[in-house]
Protein backbone atom coordinates (compact mmCIF):
# COMPACT_ATOMS: atom_id res chain seq x y z
CA MET A 1 132.88 74.18 165.87
CA ALA A 2 135.49 76.81 166.31
CA ARG A 3 135.17 79.03 169.41
CA ARG A 4 134.43 82.55 168.96
CA LYS A 5 136.68 84.93 170.97
CA LYS A 6 136.49 88.59 171.43
CA PRO A 7 137.87 90.34 168.35
CA GLN A 8 141.37 91.44 168.37
CA LEU A 9 143.23 93.99 166.14
CA VAL A 10 146.36 92.59 164.47
CA SER A 11 148.57 95.37 163.14
CA GLY A 12 150.75 95.33 159.89
CA VAL A 13 149.74 92.19 158.14
CA GLN A 14 151.48 91.68 154.90
CA PHE A 15 149.28 90.19 152.33
CA THR A 16 150.79 87.97 149.72
CA GLY A 17 148.10 85.84 147.99
CA ILE A 18 144.37 84.97 147.42
CA ALA A 19 142.16 82.46 149.18
CA ASP A 20 138.55 81.32 148.95
CA LYS A 21 135.45 83.54 149.45
CA GLY A 22 137.34 86.78 148.39
CA ARG A 23 139.90 86.66 151.18
CA ALA A 24 143.46 87.67 150.88
CA VAL A 25 146.17 85.66 152.79
CA GLY A 26 148.94 87.08 154.71
CA ARG A 27 151.09 86.94 157.75
CA ASP A 28 151.61 89.24 160.87
CA ALA A 29 155.07 90.15 162.36
CA GLU A 30 154.85 86.84 164.42
CA GLY A 31 154.41 84.81 161.23
CA ARG A 32 150.85 83.79 162.02
CA VAL A 33 148.73 83.07 158.82
CA ILE A 34 145.78 85.50 158.49
CA PHE A 35 142.81 85.40 155.86
CA ALA A 36 141.07 88.73 155.75
CA GLU A 37 138.36 90.22 153.61
CA GLY A 38 138.66 93.60 151.97
CA ALA A 39 142.52 93.17 151.46
CA ALA A 40 144.40 92.49 148.42
CA PRO A 41 147.89 90.79 147.81
CA GLY A 42 150.51 93.35 148.18
CA ASP A 43 148.41 95.48 150.73
CA VAL A 44 149.82 95.97 154.41
CA ALA A 45 147.00 96.31 156.80
CA ASP A 46 145.56 96.09 160.12
CA VAL A 47 143.14 93.26 160.61
CA LEU A 48 140.17 92.81 163.01
CA VAL A 49 140.41 89.08 163.78
CA THR A 50 137.07 87.49 164.67
CA ARG A 51 137.89 83.97 164.76
CA LYS A 52 140.39 81.11 164.73
CA LYS A 53 140.20 77.87 162.61
CA LYS A 54 142.75 75.14 162.53
CA GLY A 55 145.45 77.64 163.49
CA VAL A 56 144.53 80.36 160.93
CA LEU A 57 143.28 83.74 162.01
CA MET A 58 140.23 85.12 160.08
CA GLY A 59 138.91 88.57 159.87
CA ALA A 60 138.46 91.68 158.03
CA ALA A 61 140.95 94.54 156.85
CA GLN A 62 140.57 97.78 158.78
CA ALA A 63 143.21 100.47 158.04
CA ILE A 64 145.33 99.72 155.05
CA HIS A 65 148.62 101.38 155.51
CA THR A 66 150.11 100.19 152.13
CA LEU A 67 147.97 99.82 148.97
CA SER A 68 148.90 97.04 146.66
CA PRO A 69 150.30 98.07 143.29
CA ASP A 70 147.96 95.59 141.69
CA ARG A 71 144.72 97.18 143.08
CA ALA A 72 142.14 98.30 140.48
CA GLU A 73 139.13 100.37 140.74
CA PRO A 74 136.06 98.07 140.85
CA PHE A 75 133.94 98.67 137.60
CA CYS A 76 130.62 97.39 139.03
CA GLN A 77 128.42 99.72 140.95
CA HIS A 78 127.22 96.74 143.04
CA PHE A 79 130.71 95.49 143.99
CA ASP A 80 130.73 96.48 147.52
CA HIS A 81 127.57 94.69 148.35
CA CYS A 82 126.77 91.96 145.81
CA GLY A 83 129.52 89.38 146.45
CA GLY A 84 129.38 87.81 143.04
CA CYS A 85 132.74 89.17 142.00
CA LYS A 86 135.06 89.16 144.93
CA TRP A 87 138.19 90.20 143.19
CA GLN A 88 137.27 93.28 141.08
CA HIS A 89 139.69 95.32 143.35
CA LEU A 90 142.55 93.39 141.91
CA ASN A 91 143.57 93.82 138.39
CA TYR A 92 142.94 90.79 136.25
CA ASP A 93 146.64 90.10 135.32
CA ALA A 94 147.32 89.88 138.99
CA GLN A 95 144.37 87.57 139.66
CA ALA A 96 145.53 85.14 136.94
CA ARG A 97 149.04 85.19 138.58
CA HIS A 98 147.75 84.52 141.97
CA LYS A 99 145.43 81.80 140.65
CA GLU A 100 148.54 80.09 139.12
CA ARG A 101 150.30 80.21 142.37
CA VAL A 102 147.29 78.56 144.21
CA VAL A 103 147.46 75.67 141.91
CA HIS A 104 151.31 75.42 142.31
CA ASP A 105 150.99 75.60 146.12
CA ALA A 106 148.20 72.98 146.16
CA LEU A 107 150.20 70.39 144.10
CA SER A 108 153.62 71.11 145.79
CA ARG A 109 152.55 71.81 149.64
CA ILE A 110 149.25 69.88 149.96
CA GLY A 111 149.81 66.94 147.55
CA LYS A 112 153.70 66.93 147.61
CA VAL A 113 153.32 66.05 143.95
CA ASP A 114 156.42 66.39 141.60
CA VAL A 115 155.01 67.87 138.63
CA GLU A 116 157.58 67.56 135.72
CA ALA A 117 156.22 70.70 133.83
CA MET A 118 154.11 73.35 135.53
CA LEU A 119 152.57 75.39 132.58
CA PRO A 120 151.67 79.01 132.91
CA ILE A 121 148.10 79.69 133.40
CA LYS A 122 145.57 80.05 130.46
CA ALA A 123 143.84 83.31 131.52
CA ALA A 124 140.45 84.33 130.11
CA ALA A 125 140.61 86.38 127.04
CA GLN A 126 137.32 88.11 128.16
CA ALA A 127 137.09 89.07 131.90
CA THR A 128 133.61 90.48 131.82
CA PHE A 129 130.31 89.35 130.29
CA TYR A 130 131.57 85.70 130.16
CA ARG A 131 128.79 83.58 131.54
CA ASN A 132 126.21 81.90 129.50
CA LYS A 133 123.86 81.11 132.49
CA LEU A 134 122.70 83.45 135.18
CA GLU A 135 119.85 83.32 137.77
CA PHE A 136 118.11 86.14 139.47
CA SER A 137 115.54 86.28 142.33
CA PHE A 138 112.35 88.42 142.89
CA SER A 139 111.69 89.81 146.26
CA ASN A 140 109.50 92.37 147.94
CA LYS A 141 112.37 93.36 150.29
CA ARG A 142 115.27 95.18 149.12
CA TRP A 143 118.72 94.65 150.82
CA LEU A 144 119.74 97.83 152.55
CA THR A 145 123.20 99.31 153.29
CA ARG A 146 124.09 100.15 156.84
CA ALA A 147 123.64 103.80 156.04
CA GLU A 148 120.14 103.30 154.51
CA ILE A 149 119.21 101.22 157.61
CA ASP A 150 120.39 104.08 160.02
CA SER A 151 118.45 106.63 157.89
CA GLY A 152 115.27 104.74 158.62
CA ILE A 153 114.41 103.96 155.04
CA SER A 154 111.92 101.09 154.34
CA ASN A 155 113.16 98.04 152.59
CA GLN A 156 109.73 97.32 151.16
CA GLU A 157 110.45 97.57 147.55
CA ASP A 158 109.90 95.14 144.53
CA VAL A 159 113.47 94.28 143.22
CA LEU A 160 115.11 91.74 141.04
CA GLY A 161 118.60 90.67 141.62
CA PHE A 162 120.98 88.60 143.71
CA HIS A 163 120.84 87.46 147.43
CA PRO A 164 123.80 89.02 149.37
CA ALA A 165 125.76 86.53 151.58
CA GLY A 166 123.48 85.48 154.63
CA ALA A 167 120.40 87.07 153.53
CA PHE A 168 117.83 84.50 152.12
CA ASP A 169 114.89 86.90 152.41
CA LYS A 170 116.33 90.10 150.76
CA ILE A 171 117.71 90.93 147.40
CA ILE A 172 120.21 93.53 146.10
CA ASP A 173 118.43 95.24 143.29
CA ILE A 174 120.77 94.92 140.22
CA GLU A 175 120.74 97.73 137.73
CA LYS A 176 123.77 96.45 135.67
CA CYS A 177 125.53 93.23 136.00
CA TRP A 178 128.89 92.56 134.26
CA LEU A 179 128.74 88.83 134.25
CA GLN A 180 126.39 87.87 131.24
CA PRO A 181 126.31 89.41 127.82
CA ASP A 182 123.41 91.29 126.07
CA PRO A 183 120.54 90.99 126.18
CA SER A 184 120.92 90.04 129.97
CA ASN A 185 120.52 93.40 131.54
CA ALA A 186 117.84 94.61 129.20
CA LEU A 187 116.05 91.45 129.80
CA ARG A 188 116.18 91.65 133.60
CA ASN A 189 115.33 95.21 133.83
CA GLY A 190 112.54 94.84 131.36
CA ILE A 191 110.99 91.82 133.06
CA LYS A 192 110.95 93.88 136.53
CA ALA A 193 109.34 96.78 134.74
CA LEU A 194 106.68 94.63 133.06
CA ALA A 195 105.89 92.84 136.38
CA ILE A 196 105.38 96.06 138.19
CA GLU A 197 103.20 97.50 135.26
CA GLN A 198 100.93 94.34 135.42
CA GLY A 199 100.74 94.60 139.28
CA LEU A 200 102.32 91.06 139.98
CA SER A 201 103.45 90.43 143.33
CA PHE A 202 107.11 89.73 143.99
CA HIS A 203 108.16 86.82 146.31
CA ASP A 204 108.21 87.16 150.21
CA ALA A 205 110.47 84.50 151.41
CA ARG A 206 109.59 84.71 155.01
CA ALA A 207 105.86 84.84 154.45
CA HIS A 208 106.11 82.21 151.61
CA GLU A 209 104.01 84.17 149.28
CA GLY A 210 104.21 86.36 146.08
CA PHE A 211 103.62 85.31 142.57
CA LEU A 212 107.09 85.89 140.92
CA ARG A 213 110.05 83.93 142.33
CA GLN A 214 113.13 83.46 140.00
CA VAL A 215 114.22 84.20 136.35
CA MET A 216 117.05 82.36 134.63
CA PHE A 217 118.73 83.39 131.52
CA ARG A 218 120.92 81.18 129.07
CA ILE A 219 122.47 83.21 126.39
CA THR A 220 124.75 81.17 123.78
CA SER A 221 127.42 82.19 121.67
CA VAL A 222 125.28 81.34 118.58
CA GLY A 223 122.89 84.00 119.38
CA GLU A 224 120.01 82.10 121.06
CA THR A 225 118.52 82.98 124.34
CA LEU A 226 116.39 80.93 126.82
CA VAL A 227 114.35 82.53 129.58
CA LEU A 228 113.05 80.41 132.41
CA LEU A 229 110.42 82.01 134.89
CA SER A 230 109.63 80.46 138.12
CA PHE A 231 106.14 81.18 139.56
CA HIS A 232 104.84 80.61 143.01
CA GLU A 233 101.20 79.76 141.88
CA ASP A 234 99.79 77.98 138.94
CA ASP A 235 97.64 80.87 137.64
CA PRO A 236 97.42 81.09 133.93
CA LYS A 237 95.43 84.22 134.26
CA ARG A 238 98.33 85.98 135.50
CA TYR A 239 101.38 84.30 133.82
CA LYS A 240 100.05 84.09 130.31
CA PRO A 241 99.57 87.85 129.72
CA PHE A 242 102.93 88.46 131.31
CA MET A 243 104.70 85.96 129.05
CA ASP A 244 102.90 87.04 126.08
CA GLU A 245 104.04 90.70 126.60
CA LEU A 246 107.53 89.60 127.36
CA MET A 247 107.61 87.75 124.07
CA ALA A 248 106.35 90.97 122.29
CA ARG A 249 108.80 93.21 123.90
CA PHE A 250 111.90 91.04 123.63
CA PRO A 251 112.12 89.06 120.12
CA GLN A 252 115.54 88.19 121.05
CA ILE A 253 114.06 85.46 123.40
CA THR A 254 114.18 82.15 121.16
CA THR A 255 112.84 80.04 123.94
CA LEU A 256 110.48 80.92 126.92
CA CYS A 257 109.94 78.24 129.62
CA TYR A 258 108.41 78.41 133.08
CA CYS A 259 107.85 76.19 136.15
CA ILE A 260 105.57 76.35 139.24
CA ASN A 261 107.46 76.26 142.56
CA THR A 262 105.34 76.07 145.68
CA LYS A 263 108.18 74.59 147.69
CA LEU A 264 110.00 76.53 150.59
CA ASN A 265 113.28 76.35 148.73
CA ASP A 266 114.41 77.82 145.31
CA PHE A 267 115.86 74.66 143.96
CA LEU A 268 114.44 74.30 140.38
CA TYR A 269 116.02 71.02 138.94
CA ASP A 270 113.37 68.82 140.75
CA LEU A 271 110.46 70.64 139.06
CA ASP A 272 108.66 70.05 135.78
CA MET A 273 109.57 72.37 133.07
CA TYR A 274 106.99 73.69 130.54
CA THR A 275 107.78 75.37 127.11
CA TYR A 276 105.63 78.49 126.63
CA ALA A 277 107.40 79.50 123.32
CA GLY A 278 110.12 78.28 121.18
CA LYS A 279 111.66 74.89 120.82
CA GLY A 280 112.40 74.27 124.63
CA TYR A 281 116.06 74.57 124.46
CA VAL A 282 119.03 76.75 123.06
CA GLU A 283 121.79 75.46 120.97
CA GLU A 284 125.34 76.06 121.92
CA ARG A 285 128.65 75.11 120.09
CA LEU A 286 132.03 74.09 121.37
CA GLY A 287 134.43 73.67 118.54
CA GLU A 288 132.62 71.36 115.94
CA VAL A 289 130.19 69.94 118.62
CA ARG A 290 126.72 71.18 118.83
CA PHE A 291 124.71 71.03 122.11
CA LYS A 292 121.17 71.23 123.00
CA VAL A 293 120.93 73.06 126.30
CA GLY A 294 117.53 73.07 128.12
CA PRO A 295 116.47 74.77 131.36
CA LYS A 296 117.83 71.78 133.38
CA SER A 297 120.96 71.10 131.54
CA PHE A 298 124.32 71.08 133.20
CA PHE A 299 126.62 72.92 130.91
CA GLN A 300 130.02 74.88 131.40
CA THR A 301 128.97 78.35 132.23
CA ASN A 302 131.94 80.05 130.35
CA THR A 303 131.68 78.86 126.84
CA SER A 304 134.80 80.41 125.27
CA GLN A 305 137.13 79.19 128.36
CA ALA A 306 135.27 75.74 128.13
CA LYS A 307 136.76 75.43 124.65
CA VAL A 308 140.09 76.36 125.90
CA LEU A 309 139.80 73.85 128.75
CA TYR A 310 138.61 71.06 126.30
CA ASP A 311 141.28 71.84 123.80
CA THR A 312 143.94 71.30 126.66
CA VAL A 313 142.36 67.99 127.43
CA VAL A 314 142.68 67.00 123.84
CA GLU A 315 146.23 68.27 123.59
CA PHE A 316 147.05 66.35 126.96
CA ALA A 317 145.31 63.08 125.57
CA GLY A 318 147.48 62.81 122.51
CA LEU A 319 144.92 60.62 120.71
CA ASN A 320 145.70 58.86 117.58
CA GLY A 321 142.19 57.46 116.72
CA THR A 322 142.66 53.84 118.11
CA GLU A 323 142.05 54.51 121.86
CA ASN A 324 139.43 53.23 124.08
CA VAL A 325 138.69 56.15 126.50
CA TYR A 326 136.84 56.21 129.81
CA ASP A 327 135.28 59.72 130.76
CA LEU A 328 134.41 59.73 134.41
CA TYR A 329 132.00 62.23 135.76
CA THR A 330 131.01 63.09 132.38
CA GLY A 331 128.03 65.39 133.04
CA ILE A 332 126.32 65.90 129.86
CA GLY A 333 128.97 64.18 127.94
CA SER A 334 130.65 67.41 126.88
CA ILE A 335 134.12 66.20 127.10
CA ALA A 336 133.24 62.79 125.76
CA LEU A 337 131.69 64.26 122.80
CA TYR A 338 134.50 66.72 122.17
CA VAL A 339 137.02 63.93 122.07
CA ALA A 340 135.15 61.35 120.32
CA GLN A 341 136.14 62.22 116.84
CA ALA A 342 139.82 61.58 117.71
CA CYS A 343 139.51 58.15 119.26
CA ARG A 344 137.88 54.63 118.67
CA GLN A 345 135.38 54.68 121.68
CA VAL A 346 134.39 56.80 124.80
CA VAL A 347 132.53 55.33 127.77
CA GLY A 348 131.07 57.95 129.95
CA ILE A 349 129.79 57.65 133.51
CA GLU A 350 127.63 60.24 135.42
CA GLU A 351 125.58 60.00 138.48
CA ILE A 352 122.78 62.32 137.40
CA PRO A 353 120.36 60.49 135.13
CA GLU A 354 119.10 63.73 133.48
CA ALA A 355 122.68 64.69 132.46
CA ILE A 356 123.14 61.28 130.83
CA ALA A 357 119.86 61.80 128.84
CA ASP A 358 121.32 65.07 127.60
CA ALA A 359 124.71 63.34 126.67
CA GLU A 360 122.82 60.66 124.61
CA GLU A 361 120.69 63.42 122.90
CA ASN A 362 123.66 65.41 121.99
CA ALA A 363 125.50 62.36 120.68
CA ARG A 364 122.52 61.86 118.39
CA LEU A 365 122.36 65.60 117.35
CA ASN A 366 126.05 65.43 116.25
CA ASP A 367 125.72 61.85 114.77
CA ILE A 368 128.37 60.62 117.12
CA GLN A 369 128.15 56.79 117.31
CA ASN A 370 131.10 55.77 119.15
CA THR A 371 130.11 56.94 122.64
CA VAL A 372 128.17 55.05 125.40
CA PHE A 373 126.87 56.48 128.52
CA TYR A 374 126.02 55.17 132.03
CA ALA A 375 123.99 56.71 134.80
CA GLY A 376 125.27 55.93 138.44
CA ASP A 377 127.77 56.76 141.04
CA VAL A 378 131.23 56.28 139.48
CA LYS A 379 132.41 54.25 142.45
CA ASP A 380 129.47 51.69 141.93
CA ILE A 381 129.52 51.61 138.14
CA LEU A 382 133.46 51.40 137.54
CA THR A 383 134.20 47.80 138.61
CA PRO A 384 136.51 45.06 137.12
CA GLU A 385 133.45 43.60 135.41
CA PHE A 386 132.57 47.02 133.80
CA ALA A 387 136.19 47.12 132.54
CA GLN A 388 136.00 43.59 131.18
CA ARG A 389 132.76 44.32 129.28
CA HIS A 390 134.11 47.68 127.82
CA GLY A 391 137.72 46.89 127.58
CA LYS A 392 140.58 48.32 129.51
CA PRO A 393 141.07 52.06 128.84
CA ASP A 394 143.97 53.35 126.88
CA LEU A 395 143.13 56.78 128.25
CA LEU A 396 141.20 57.72 131.23
CA ILE A 397 139.58 61.34 131.58
CA THR A 398 138.27 62.36 135.11
CA ASP A 399 136.49 65.47 135.97
CA PRO A 400 135.01 65.08 139.38
CA PRO A 401 133.13 67.48 141.59
CA ARG A 402 134.94 69.66 144.09
CA ALA A 403 135.25 67.10 146.57
CA GLY A 404 137.39 65.04 144.25
CA MET A 405 137.25 61.36 143.72
CA HIS A 406 135.95 58.81 146.05
CA ALA A 407 138.83 56.46 147.56
CA GLN A 408 137.20 53.43 145.90
CA VAL A 409 137.44 55.16 142.46
CA VAL A 410 141.11 56.01 143.16
CA ASP A 411 141.76 52.37 144.04
CA MET A 412 139.96 51.24 140.87
CA LEU A 413 142.04 53.48 138.72
CA LEU A 414 145.12 52.09 140.07
CA GLN A 415 143.85 48.53 139.38
CA LEU A 416 142.92 49.64 135.56
CA SER A 417 146.46 51.23 135.27
CA ALA A 418 145.43 53.08 132.06
CA PRO A 419 148.72 54.23 130.23
CA ARG A 420 147.59 57.88 130.54
CA MET A 421 145.26 59.89 132.54
CA VAL A 422 143.81 63.42 132.13
CA TYR A 423 142.52 64.70 135.38
CA VAL A 424 140.28 67.89 135.17
CA SER A 425 139.76 69.62 138.38
CA CYS A 426 137.84 72.66 139.77
CA ASN A 427 139.53 72.20 143.14
CA PRO A 428 143.29 71.98 143.12
CA ALA A 429 143.48 71.05 146.77
CA THR A 430 141.41 67.81 146.30
CA GLN A 431 143.16 67.12 143.03
CA ALA A 432 146.53 67.36 144.97
CA ARG A 433 145.21 64.86 147.40
CA ASP A 434 144.10 62.44 144.74
CA LEU A 435 147.33 62.83 142.66
CA GLN A 436 149.37 61.95 145.70
CA LEU A 437 147.04 58.75 146.17
CA LEU A 438 147.85 57.85 142.58
CA SER A 439 151.63 58.56 142.69
CA SER A 440 152.53 55.05 143.54
CA ARG A 441 151.75 54.11 139.85
CA TYR A 442 151.58 57.46 138.03
CA ARG A 443 153.77 60.40 137.56
CA VAL A 444 152.50 63.87 136.70
CA ALA A 445 154.02 64.86 133.43
CA LYS A 446 152.34 68.36 133.23
CA ALA A 447 149.80 70.49 134.72
CA GLN A 448 147.80 73.37 133.07
CA PRO A 449 145.74 75.94 135.11
CA VAL A 450 142.97 77.45 133.20
CA ASP A 451 140.76 80.44 134.49
CA MET A 452 137.08 79.93 133.93
CA PHE A 453 135.84 82.49 136.38
CA PRO A 454 137.48 85.87 136.44
CA HIS A 455 136.94 88.11 139.59
CA THR A 456 136.26 84.92 141.75
CA HIS A 457 138.75 82.62 143.40
CA HIS A 458 137.75 79.52 141.46
CA ILE A 459 140.33 78.08 139.18
CA GLU A 460 140.55 74.85 136.96
CA ASN A 461 143.47 72.76 136.61
CA VAL A 462 144.22 69.89 134.08
CA ALA A 463 146.97 67.50 134.97
CA LEU A 464 148.41 64.68 132.64
CA LEU A 465 149.40 61.48 134.40
CA GLU A 466 151.59 58.84 132.79
CA LEU A 467 151.98 55.20 134.06
CA ARG A 468 155.33 54.78 135.69
């Protein structure tokens, strides 16, 4: 654990890029690397350094002497406290430019990867209201600003919104969120008002009591809306009148589900889900492929950019209809189903059994008959025997979690030696590491950054690898 030292003020730090958790990265006059919150690339600022980690200084911007020409006025009233959109103070064109640089630096500096064609970033056409899924929490304690605390105001208030960083028992009351399209804001505010009207208690995380815990919305591009409510107690006398009135007030809800969560944590995916109204799922569409998306489904949260991402995969894959394709870390099979019409067969592997059940259901929904899916850890499933049974891949697609691929998987990919590989990553640093490990047999023909999450540091990158 890094030792905490007395904070020191470092003057005249010039910021040139973005880092994770909304920090800007820069250097001081001595050339030391500094990560700071509250700064933007192009700023020159003093930084109060609070810790040092692996030779990098970390802190928060204090006096800003020169404001970046790329700064923008945050459009959300909750920006200073919420933490969900870290980069609203940087205009979106600049965000995209810096994310592209993050990918380039990761591949060239971390991975020492020689990329033959580094393509310009595919920025999001829509930088607000782009999420199809969002979760909010109920609380009987509102998060207070420092000024409110100093004024002596009470935080005892029923609120519905987001947890600020480091506060598990308090919630920022959200009036308008810019992340999810209509009817998201109307639903959230209407649910809060209805709960107060009916005298329902909001959750107290410390006392572990209070009837209402969480609500999740899934709003799809085809006009369907799923609402999932999480109750702390299985009390039909309270939740039935509440959900009946909710359906009456909001006919936009096409499916209403609920669950009972008596646990100490807010994790919902290990709970039984019950459909109160509607068909129990919403439908989403990516290109020509339809998906049933239920309350537990794992699905790309930015539908329009997911299509951009998958179209990039198809373009890189260069399929002619004859290929045997492996899709590793397939999730609900979204990429597998997207490419299935352009190849002979897709074999998908995913660790989470529920996701594989969704993949198989969506294959049936689309009458796609040339896919087969396996549930299990990729490093355990993908073996020489597996390849012998299903045939060696002509194309291998991999979309691992942020940690990247297990070393055993990388070794197996080198053994399989598929002529082409498309590597989709949500973490350019671990992708760069894996590409370096694969470089003994593969060259990186091209790389394409795709921005799925405007106003955050997250960035996807698609790389095409070709056998040497």
